[in-house]
């Protein structure tokens, strides 16, 4: 069994957009992917019981991700390749009974995927690598650091499939899959690492 850890998306910087008395909805989707993708989430809220109103503001930089595609084919053999990169920075301030605080979240994401077709299209090789770096800082109104976390993750993936002829107008397909998640996380002075991998064939 392949264990995939849950991921945290820090929404605190967005309080300046959410505290307007209107109804808001959150959604998750796979960018530049198929429209149907099963993703679920849990929303964790902390309420300020000692205040009737929490004031907040936001400033952010979230450019469209850069995307490059390459295609080279001769007959049934060739290569697809796609590379994407995105870097976002979000800053939000809030005022509550606990004091004034500023939360900043920065994320850098790199994605690379290639698919090669060989032997007249009967052999396929997929290689993919995703790198993700997230940093969260929470500071008080006086500039005192309350929390600082860094998370680095990589997701290497390799798939090979080969179609071989069999008898009586049949064929067999051999597939091998290797994937893993590697994570290094720092919360204050505490550090943790996680590595989980899966190798399978059939």
Protein backbone atom coordinates (compact mmCIF):
# COMPACT_ATOMS: atom_id res chain seq x y z
CA UNK A 1 0.00 0.00 0.00
CA UNK A 2 1.29 3.45 -0.92
CA UNK A 3 0.82 6.04 1.81
CA UNK A 4 0.25 9.59 0.62
CA UNK A 5 0.31 12.19 3.41
CA UNK A 6 -2.26 14.94 3.71
CA UNK A 7 -1.24 18.47 2.80
CA UNK A 8 -1.96 21.78 4.49
CA UNK A 9 -3.07 24.84 2.53
CA UNK A 10 -2.73 27.93 4.74
CA UNK A 11 -5.75 30.18 4.17
CA UNK A 12 -5.08 32.73 6.93
CA UNK A 13 -3.68 35.36 4.52
CA UNK A 14 -7.02 35.33 2.68
CA UNK A 15 -8.97 36.63 5.69
CA UNK A 16 -9.05 40.08 4.12
CA UNK A 17 -11.15 38.65 1.28
CA UNK A 18 -13.32 36.38 3.41
CA UNK A 19 -14.41 38.72 6.22
CA UNK A 20 -16.89 40.74 4.19
CA UNK A 21 -20.14 39.19 5.42
CA UNK A 22 -20.73 37.34 2.16
CA UNK A 23 -20.93 33.62 1.40
CA UNK A 24 -17.68 32.11 0.04
CA UNK A 25 -16.81 28.73 -1.39
CA UNK A 26 -13.49 26.90 -1.61
CA UNK A 27 -12.58 24.51 -4.39
CA UNK A 28 -9.61 22.36 -5.37
CA UNK A 29 -8.73 21.34 -8.90
CA UNK A 30 -5.87 19.96 -10.93
CA UNK A 31 -4.49 22.76 -13.12
CA UNK A 32 -4.30 22.03 -16.85
CA UNK A 33 -5.80 18.57 -16.21
CA UNK A 34 -9.01 16.68 -16.80
CA UNK A 35 -12.15 18.28 -15.40
CA UNK A 36 -13.10 15.22 -13.32
CA UNK A 37 -10.60 14.51 -10.55
CA UNK A 38 -11.46 13.17 -7.11
CA UNK A 39 -10.02 15.52 -4.47
CA UNK A 40 -11.37 15.96 -0.95
CA UNK A 41 -10.44 18.29 1.89
CA UNK A 42 -11.12 19.28 5.49
CA UNK A 43 -11.51 22.93 6.54
CA UNK A 44 -10.18 23.88 9.98
CA UNK A 45 -11.44 27.14 11.52
CA UNK A 46 -10.39 28.96 14.70
CA UNK A 47 -12.88 31.53 15.97
CA UNK A 48 -12.07 34.58 18.08
CA UNK A 49 -14.67 34.29 20.84
CA UNK A 50 -13.55 37.53 22.50
CA UNK A 51 -14.13 39.77 19.50
CA UNK A 52 -17.29 40.66 17.61
CA UNK A 53 -15.33 41.54 14.49
CA UNK A 54 -11.90 40.58 13.18
CA UNK A 55 -10.24 43.06 10.83
CA UNK A 56 -7.94 41.79 8.08
CA UNK A 57 -6.28 42.75 4.80
CA UNK A 58 -4.41 40.99 2.00
CA UNK A 59 -1.73 41.56 -0.61
CA UNK A 60 -0.64 38.82 -2.98
CA UNK A 61 1.32 38.00 -6.09
CA UNK A 62 0.00 34.98 -7.98
CA UNK A 63 1.01 35.07 -11.66
CA UNK A 64 -0.19 32.52 -14.17
CA UNK A 65 2.08 29.49 -14.22
CA UNK A 66 4.51 29.21 -17.11
CA UNK A 67 3.86 26.21 -19.34
CA UNK A 68 5.98 24.76 -22.14
CA UNK A 69 5.07 21.84 -24.39
CA UNK A 70 7.25 19.96 -26.87
CA UNK A 71 6.28 17.32 -29.42
CA UNK A 72 8.59 15.33 -31.71
CA UNK A 73 7.41 12.29 -33.68
CA UNK A 74 8.48 10.15 -36.61
CA UNK A 75 5.72 7.64 -37.35
CA UNK A 76 4.58 6.01 -34.13
CA UNK A 77 7.81 6.76 -32.26
CA UNK A 78 8.47 10.06 -30.60
CA UNK A 79 8.23 12.12 -27.46
CA UNK A 80 5.81 14.38 -25.61
CA UNK A 81 7.26 16.70 -22.98
CA UNK A 82 5.68 19.31 -20.74
CA UNK A 83 7.24 21.61 -18.15
CA UNK A 84 5.48 23.99 -15.81
CA UNK A 85 6.57 26.36 -13.08
CA UNK A 86 4.80 28.72 -10.72
CA UNK A 87 5.76 30.89 -7.77
CA UNK A 88 3.20 32.60 -5.52
CA UNK A 89 3.53 34.93 -2.53
CA UNK A 90 0.64 35.92 -0.28
CA UNK A 91 0.68 38.33 2.67
CA UNK A 92 -2.23 38.91 4.99
CA UNK A 93 -2.67 40.83 8.23
CA UNK A 94 -5.27 40.32 10.93
CA UNK A 95 -6.33 42.04 14.15
CA UNK A 96 -7.90 40.02 16.98
CA UNK A 97 -7.96 39.76 20.77
CA UNK A 98 -4.70 37.81 20.49
CA UNK A 99 -3.11 40.90 18.92
CA UNK A 100 -2.11 41.98 15.45
CA UNK A 101 -0.36 39.42 13.26
CA UNK A 102 0.87 39.02 9.70
CA UNK A 103 0.87 35.70 7.84
CA UNK A 104 2.90 35.18 4.68
CA UNK A 105 2.88 32.10 2.48
CA UNK A 106 5.27 31.54 -0.41
CA UNK A 107 5.23 28.54 -2.72
CA UNK A 108 7.41 27.47 -5.63
CA UNK A 109 6.28 24.58 -7.80
CA UNK A 110 8.14 22.86 -10.65
CA UNK A 111 6.66 20.12 -12.81
CA UNK A 112 8.29 18.08 -15.59
CA UNK A 113 6.78 15.18 -17.50
CA UNK A 114 7.94 13.28 -20.57
CA UNK A 115 6.43 10.35 -22.49
CA UNK A 116 8.56 8.46 -25.02
CA UNK A 117 7.26 5.96 -27.58
CA UNK A 118 9.69 3.40 -29.01
CA UNK A 119 9.68 0.19 -31.06
CA UNK A 120 6.93 1.41 -33.37
CA UNK A 121 4.89 2.66 -30.43
CA UNK A 122 4.84 -0.65 -28.52
CA UNK A 123 7.15 0.53 -25.73
CA UNK A 124 6.27 3.59 -23.64
CA UNK A 125 8.34 5.32 -20.98
CA UNK A 126 6.87 7.94 -18.67
CA UNK A 127 9.11 10.04 -16.42
CA UNK A 128 7.76 12.70 -14.15
CA UNK A 129 9.17 14.83 -11.37
CA UNK A 130 7.40 17.40 -9.21
CA UNK A 131 9.18 19.71 -6.77
CA UNK A 132 7.24 21.77 -4.26
CA UNK A 133 8.60 24.24 -1.70
CA UNK A 134 6.32 26.02 0.77
CA UNK A 135 7.28 28.52 3.45
CA UNK A 136 4.88 29.96 6.06
CA UNK A 137 5.72 32.83 8.42
CA UNK A 138 3.54 34.31 11.14
CA UNK A 139 4.75 37.47 12.89
CA UNK A 140 3.25 39.68 15.56
CA UNK A 141 2.52 43.36 15.03
CA UNK A 142 5.87 44.18 16.65
CA UNK A 143 7.75 41.94 14.19
CA UNK A 144 8.23 39.03 16.64
CA UNK A 145 8.25 35.66 14.88
CA UNK A 146 5.42 33.44 16.12
CA UNK A 147 5.79 30.56 13.64
CA UNK A 148 8.06 29.66 10.74
CA UNK A 149 7.70 26.46 8.70
CA UNK A 150 9.46 25.17 5.60
CA UNK A 151 8.35 22.16 3.60
CA UNK A 152 10.14 20.66 0.61
CA UNK A 153 8.62 17.76 -1.32
CA UNK A 154 9.54 15.81 -4.45
CA UNK A 155 7.37 13.30 -6.29
CA UNK A 156 9.35 11.16 -8.76
CA UNK A 157 7.33 8.83 -10.99
CA UNK A 158 8.42 6.32 -13.64
CA UNK A 159 6.18 4.07 -15.73
CA UNK A 160 7.17 1.68 -18.52
CA UNK A 161 4.78 -0.39 -20.60
CA UNK A 162 5.62 -2.82 -23.36
CA UNK A 163 3.24 -4.64 -25.70
CA UNK A 164 4.42 -8.08 -26.86
CA UNK A 165 2.75 -10.34 -29.44
CA UNK A 166 1.31 -13.67 -28.29
CA UNK A 167 -0.26 -16.64 -29.99
CA UNK A 168 -3.72 -16.88 -31.55
CA UNK A 169 -4.03 -13.15 -32.24
CA UNK A 170 -3.34 -12.19 -28.62
CA UNK A 171 -0.83 -9.88 -27.01
CA UNK A 172 0.50 -9.23 -23.54
CA UNK A 173 1.30 -5.91 -21.92
CA UNK A 174 4.01 -5.65 -19.28
CA UNK A 175 3.93 -2.62 -16.98
CA UNK A 176 6.33 -1.39 -14.32
CA UNK A 177 5.56 1.52 -11.99
CA UNK A 178 7.91 3.25 -9.54
CA UNK A 179 6.74 6.26 -7.58
CA UNK A 180 7.56 7.91 -4.28
CA UNK A 181 7.11 10.95 -2.09
CA UNK A 182 10.03 12.56 -0.27
CA UNK A 183 9.47 15.31 2.27
CA UNK A 184 11.65 17.48 4.50
CA UNK A 185 9.85 19.72 6.97
CA UNK A 186 11.05 22.28 9.50
CA UNK A 187 8.74 23.79 12.13
CA UNK A 188 10.70 26.23 14.27
CA UNK A 189 13.71 24.20 15.42
CA UNK A 190 12.03 20.83 14.91
CA UNK A 191 12.81 18.87 11.74
CA UNK A 192 11.20 15.81 10.20
CA UNK A 193 11.68 13.71 7.09
CA UNK A 194 9.35 11.37 5.24
CA UNK A 195 10.10 9.00 2.40
CA UNK A 196 7.72 6.46 0.98
CA UNK A 197 8.16 4.57 -2.28
CA UNK A 198 6.37 1.93 -4.29
CA UNK A 199 7.68 -0.45 -6.96
CA UNK A 200 5.28 -2.68 -8.83
CA UNK A 201 5.02 -4.65 -12.04
CA UNK A 202 2.52 -6.90 -13.75
